[in-house]
Amino acid sequence: MNYNHFKVEIENKIAHVVFNRPEKANALHMEAWKEMKTTFDKLSQSDHVRVIILSGEGKHFCAGIDLELLMSVGALKDVSCSGKRSEKVRELILTLQECITAIEKCSKPVLAAIHSGCIGGGVDIVSACDMRYCTEDAYFTIKEIDLGMVADLGTLQRLPKIISPGMAAELAYTGRKMTGKEALNTGLVNHCYASKEKMMEGVMHIARAIAAKSPISIRGTKEVLRYTRDHSVDDALNYMSTWNAAMLLSNDLLETFNATMEKREPKYED
């Protein structure tokens, strides 16, 4: 696949996906949104990828939606029929939501490595990732409120399940910046690093640890965690029993037993 707005490198079972519109602070126009979805869909299906790191090139991690894309929505006011106009807006919102949901539905864990600005749609994106890590100079802001609109791509749905609902509401109502250290204290990120270099080193270390595990177990863990988030404990336990009834007796389990008996590191098939 040829990438125009992202950099993608795969090495040692780890895919590194990088926003690559630094001249736009990694703000995404429609072509970039669609490329992001295609990227994660393909990585989800790749036998050679076990974990994904998402980071940003240049000064900021991601500034969200490109203003040109927002302005194109404003142009819809020229559509004379209010019903057709509303239908067009809804179609656009659903398309962008699907681009972010592709990250959440990706079968491989996605680790967001965030430096400097994570703004508006950037918060939507990292909320769909499995784990988040940031630098001390990072900041998070739900900027939509300052644009006279409601955040509509997933932040309001996912963020209250990551941090306290009250804190999520405060950020959504005020649009204020949450610093990297505050993000650590609230549980939005797992670790906060002194620099981008230290962060990438730390995140890569975690990615390597994940990539060394049983691929089918990692994929299953992500699926069950995602299911559990949106269902009751009883429903999730029932789902878990069905999942393992189908997946437990795998080659990975046999390899783990053999490696333990032979006192060596297991080597799992892609």
Protein backbone atom coordinates (compact mmCIF):
# COMPACT_ATOMS: atom_id res chain seq x y z
CA MET A 1 0.00 0.00 0.00
CA ASN A 2 1.22 3.51 -0.85
CA TYR A 3 0.86 6.02 1.97
CA ASN A 4 0.38 9.73 1.34
CA HIS A 5 -0.45 11.07 4.79
CA PHE A 6 1.02 8.41 7.06
CA LYS A 7 4.31 6.62 7.49
CA VAL A 8 4.02 2.91 8.18
CA GLU A 9 6.93 0.67 9.09
CA ILE A 10 6.76 -2.97 10.16
CA GLU A 11 9.68 -4.53 11.98
CA ASN A 12 9.88 -7.48 14.38
CA LYS A 13 6.08 -7.91 14.34
CA ILE A 14 5.57 -4.27 15.39
CA ALA A 15 3.83 -1.80 13.06
CA HIS A 16 4.67 1.87 13.62
CA VAL A 17 2.01 4.16 12.15
CA VAL A 18 2.91 7.87 12.05
CA PHE A 19 0.69 10.84 11.22
CA ASN A 20 2.65 12.56 8.46
CA ARG A 21 1.11 15.99 7.86
CA PRO A 22 3.49 18.02 10.05
CA GLU A 23 2.89 21.19 8.03
CA LYS A 24 -0.76 20.95 9.17
CA ALA A 25 0.06 19.91 12.75
CA ASN A 26 -1.15 16.48 11.62
CA ALA A 27 -4.70 17.73 11.16
CA LEU A 28 -6.58 15.30 8.94
CA HIS A 29 -8.54 16.12 5.80
CA MET A 30 -10.94 13.58 4.29
CA GLU A 31 -8.28 11.76 2.28
CA ALA A 32 -6.17 11.32 5.43
CA TRP A 33 -9.14 10.08 7.47
CA LYS A 34 -9.90 7.43 4.87
CA GLU A 35 -6.24 6.46 4.62
CA MET A 36 -6.16 5.97 8.39
CA LYS A 37 -9.13 3.58 8.23
CA THR A 38 -7.60 1.61 5.36
CA THR A 39 -4.30 1.42 7.23
CA PHE A 40 -5.78 -0.05 10.39
CA ASP A 41 -8.06 -2.39 8.46
CA LYS A 42 -5.04 -3.80 6.61
CA LEU A 43 -2.89 -4.07 9.74
CA SER A 44 -5.73 -5.84 11.51
CA GLN A 45 -5.63 -8.55 8.84
CA SER A 46 -1.85 -8.77 8.52
CA ASP A 47 -0.34 -12.04 9.76
CA HIS A 48 3.00 -10.28 10.23
CA VAL A 49 1.79 -7.65 12.73
CA ARG A 50 1.11 -8.33 16.41
CA VAL A 51 1.02 -4.83 17.91
CA ILE A 52 0.77 -1.27 16.59
CA ILE A 53 2.27 2.03 17.76
CA LEU A 54 0.58 5.27 16.67
CA SER A 55 2.59 8.51 16.87
CA GLY A 56 2.88 11.88 15.13
CA GLU A 57 5.54 13.51 12.96
CA GLY A 58 6.59 17.08 13.66
CA LYS A 59 5.57 19.52 16.39
CA HIS A 60 2.25 17.97 17.45
CA PHE A 61 0.72 14.51 17.77
CA CYS A 62 -2.55 15.39 16.02
CA ALA A 63 -4.60 18.57 15.68
CA GLY A 64 -7.77 16.70 14.76
CA ILE A 65 -9.93 17.69 11.80
CA ASP A 66 -8.44 19.91 9.12
CA LEU A 67 -10.28 23.23 9.05
CA GLU A 68 -10.86 22.85 5.32
CA LEU A 69 -12.97 19.77 6.05
CA LEU A 70 -14.99 21.69 8.64
CA MET A 71 -15.48 24.52 6.17
CA SER A 72 -16.83 22.06 3.61
CA VAL A 73 -19.57 21.20 6.09
CA GLY A 74 -20.48 24.88 6.27
CA ALA A 75 -20.87 24.91 2.50
CA LEU A 76 -23.78 22.48 2.86
CA LYS A 77 -25.93 25.42 3.94
CA ASP A 78 -26.37 26.07 0.22
CA VAL A 79 -28.38 22.84 -0.08
CA SER A 80 -31.94 24.16 -0.18
CA CYS A 81 -33.66 21.15 1.42
CA SER A 82 -33.04 21.00 5.18
CA GLY A 83 -33.68 17.25 5.20
CA LYS A 84 -31.09 16.55 2.51
CA ARG A 85 -28.64 18.90 4.24
CA SER A 86 -29.02 17.07 7.54
CA GLU A 87 -28.66 13.73 5.77
CA LYS A 88 -25.34 14.84 4.21
CA VAL A 89 -24.00 16.01 7.57
CA ARG A 90 -24.99 12.73 9.21
CA GLU A 91 -23.29 10.72 6.45
CA LEU A 92 -20.08 12.70 6.95
CA ILE A 93 -20.12 12.20 10.73
CA LEU A 94 -20.73 8.46 10.38
CA THR A 95 -17.88 8.18 7.87
CA LEU A 96 -15.42 9.89 10.21
CA GLN A 97 -16.65 7.83 13.17
CA GLU A 98 -15.95 4.65 11.19
CA CYS A 99 -12.40 5.83 10.51
CA ILE A 100 -11.74 6.03 14.26
CA THR A 101 -13.68 2.88 15.14
CA ALA A 102 -11.31 1.02 12.79
CA ILE A 103 -8.63 1.57 15.45
CA GLU A 104 -10.82 0.18 18.21
CA LYS A 105 -11.90 -2.81 16.09
CA CYS A 106 -8.36 -3.54 14.89
CA SER A 107 -7.51 -7.04 16.13
CA LYS A 108 -4.07 -5.92 17.32
CA PRO A 109 -3.42 -3.73 20.41
CA VAL A 110 -2.80 -0.08 19.48
CA LEU A 111 -0.46 2.02 21.65
CA ALA A 112 -0.76 5.79 21.21
CA ALA A 113 2.51 7.69 21.77
CA ILE A 114 1.45 11.32 22.24
CA HIS A 115 3.67 14.39 22.26
CA SER A 116 2.68 18.07 22.42
CA GLY A 117 -0.83 18.80 21.10
CA CYS A 118 -3.59 16.18 21.04
CA ILE A 119 -6.47 18.38 19.98
CA GLY A 120 -10.13 17.83 19.12
CA GLY A 121 -10.26 14.84 16.79
CA GLY A 122 -6.89 13.78 18.18
CA VAL A 123 -8.62 13.04 21.50
CA ASP A 124 -11.27 11.04 19.62
CA ILE A 125 -8.48 8.98 18.06
CA VAL A 126 -6.49 8.24 21.22
CA SER A 127 -9.70 7.38 23.08
CA ALA A 128 -10.11 4.51 20.61
CA CYS A 129 -6.59 3.19 21.25
CA ASP A 130 -5.94 0.41 23.75
CA MET A 131 -3.23 2.23 25.68
CA ARG A 132 -1.96 5.79 25.76
CA TYR A 133 1.49 7.17 26.65
CA CYS A 134 2.61 10.80 26.54
CA THR A 135 5.38 13.30 27.11
CA GLU A 136 5.39 15.89 29.88
CA ASP A 137 4.81 18.64 27.31
CA ALA A 138 1.74 16.86 25.91
CA TYR A 139 -1.70 18.37 26.32
CA PHE A 140 -5.18 17.14 25.56
CA THR A 141 -8.10 19.43 24.71
CA ILE A 142 -11.66 18.73 23.57
CA LYS A 143 -11.58 21.78 21.35
CA GLU A 144 -14.97 21.31 19.73
CA ILE A 145 -16.74 23.27 22.48
CA ASP A 146 -14.74 26.38 21.49
CA LEU A 147 -15.90 25.96 17.90
CA GLY A 148 -19.54 26.03 18.89
CA MET A 149 -20.12 22.32 18.31
CA VAL A 150 -20.45 19.04 20.19
CA ALA A 151 -17.57 16.55 19.92
CA ASP A 152 -19.08 13.90 17.66
CA LEU A 153 -16.43 11.31 16.75
CA GLY A 154 -16.23 9.23 19.92
CA THR A 155 -14.66 11.26 22.73
CA LEU A 156 -17.94 11.70 24.61
CA GLN A 157 -18.68 8.00 24.25
CA ARG A 158 -15.25 6.53 25.07
CA LEU A 159 -13.48 9.00 27.35
CA PRO A 160 -15.92 8.59 30.32
CA LYS A 161 -15.02 4.88 30.29
CA ILE A 162 -11.30 5.69 30.52
CA ILE A 163 -11.27 8.50 33.10
CA SER A 164 -13.91 9.58 35.61
CA PRO A 165 -17.15 10.81 33.98
CA GLY A 166 -16.90 14.04 35.96
CA MET A 167 -13.43 14.83 34.65
CA ALA A 168 -14.46 13.92 31.12
CA ALA A 169 -17.41 16.30 31.46
CA GLU A 170 -15.17 19.10 32.74
CA LEU A 171 -12.86 18.77 29.76
CA ALA A 172 -15.79 18.60 27.33
CA TYR A 173 -17.59 21.63 28.78
CA THR A 174 -14.56 23.89 29.20
CA GLY A 175 -12.22 22.87 26.37
CA ARG A 176 -9.31 23.43 28.74
CA LYS A 177 -5.94 21.78 28.28
CA MET A 178 -5.12 18.71 30.33
CA THR A 179 -1.35 18.43 30.73
CA GLY A 180 0.65 15.26 30.37
CA LYS A 181 1.20 14.91 34.12
CA GLU A 182 -2.49 15.48 34.81
CA ALA A 183 -3.36 12.89 32.16
CA LEU A 184 -1.18 10.42 34.06
CA ASN A 185 -2.84 11.24 37.37
CA THR A 186 -6.34 10.83 35.93
CA GLY A 187 -5.53 7.53 34.24
CA LEU A 188 -5.85 8.81 30.68
CA VAL A 189 -2.27 7.68 29.98
CA ASN A 190 -0.27 4.79 31.44
CA HIS A 191 3.07 6.61 31.64
CA CYS A 192 4.37 10.16 31.16
CA TYR A 193 7.90 10.65 29.83
CA ALA A 194 10.33 13.56 29.97
CA SER A 195 10.87 13.66 26.20
CA LYS A 196 9.57 12.19 22.95
CA GLU A 197 12.74 10.12 22.59
CA LYS A 198 12.27 8.59 26.06
CA MET A 199 8.60 7.97 25.31
CA MET A 200 9.28 6.17 22.05
CA GLU A 201 11.93 4.06 23.75
CA GLY A 202 9.51 3.14 26.55
CA VAL A 203 6.57 2.45 24.24
CA MET A 204 8.73 0.33 21.95
CA HIS A 205 9.83 -1.72 24.96
CA ILE A 206 6.17 -2.40 25.84
CA ALA A 207 5.35 -3.20 22.21
CA ARG A 208 8.17 -5.73 22.06
CA ALA A 209 6.86 -7.43 25.21
CA ILE A 210 3.39 -7.72 23.63
CA ALA A 211 4.78 -8.93 20.30
CA ALA A 212 6.56 -11.79 22.10
CA LYS A 213 3.29 -13.20 23.47
CA SER A 214 0.90 -15.66 21.85
CA PRO A 215 -0.73 -13.79 18.95
CA ILE A 216 -4.05 -15.58 19.27
CA SER A 217 -4.11 -14.85 23.01
CA ILE A 218 -3.35 -11.15 22.46
CA ARG A 219 -6.11 -10.86 19.87
CA GLY A 220 -8.53 -12.70 22.14
CA THR A 221 -7.64 -10.50 25.11
CA LYS A 222 -8.38 -7.35 23.10
CA GLU A 223 -11.69 -8.74 21.87
CA VAL A 224 -12.82 -9.76 25.37
CA LEU A 225 -11.71 -6.49 26.97
CA ARG A 226 -13.67 -4.54 24.35
CA TYR A 227 -16.75 -6.74 24.82
CA THR A 228 -16.54 -6.48 28.61
CA ARG A 229 -16.45 -2.68 28.51
CA ASP A 230 -19.91 -2.56 26.93
CA HIS A 231 -21.63 -5.49 28.68
CA SER A 232 -22.48 -6.77 32.15
CA VAL A 233 -20.12 -9.04 34.06
CA ASP A 234 -22.42 -12.03 33.55
CA ASP A 235 -22.67 -11.42 29.81
CA ALA A 236 -18.91 -10.95 29.54
CA LEU A 237 -18.17 -14.15 31.49
CA ASN A 238 -20.53 -16.09 29.25
CA TYR A 239 -18.84 -14.61 26.17
CA MET A 240 -15.45 -15.51 27.64
CA SER A 241 -16.44 -19.15 28.10
CA THR A 242 -17.59 -19.34 24.49
CA TRP A 243 -14.42 -17.66 23.24
CA ASN A 244 -12.08 -20.02 25.06
CA ALA A 245 -14.15 -23.05 24.13
CA ALA A 246 -13.25 -22.18 20.54
CA MET A 247 -9.74 -20.73 20.96
CA LEU A 248 -8.09 -22.25 24.05
CA LEU A 249 -6.73 -25.45 22.52
CA SER A 250 -4.45 -23.73 20.02
CA ASN A 251 -0.97 -24.37 18.68
CA ASP A 252 0.16 -21.42 20.79
CA LEU A 253 -0.88 -23.23 23.97
CA LEU A 254 1.02 -26.35 22.90
CA GLU A 255 4.09 -24.27 22.05
CA THR A 256 3.93 -22.63 25.49
CA PHE A 257 3.88 -26.03 27.20
CA ASN A 258 6.74 -27.35 25.05
CA ALA A 259 8.86 -24.24 25.63
CA THR A 260 8.31 -24.51 29.38
CA MET A 261 9.34 -28.17 29.43
CA GLU A 262 12.39 -27.44 27.27
CA LYS A 263 13.30 -24.33 29.28
CA ARG A 264 13.36 -21.95 26.30
CA GLU A 265 11.45 -18.94 25.06
CA PRO A 266 8.33 -19.86 23.09
CA LYS A 267 8.29 -19.14 19.36
CA TYR A 268 4.77 -18.50 18.13
CA GLU A 269 3.60 -18.77 14.54
CA ASP A 270 2.38 -15.62 12.79
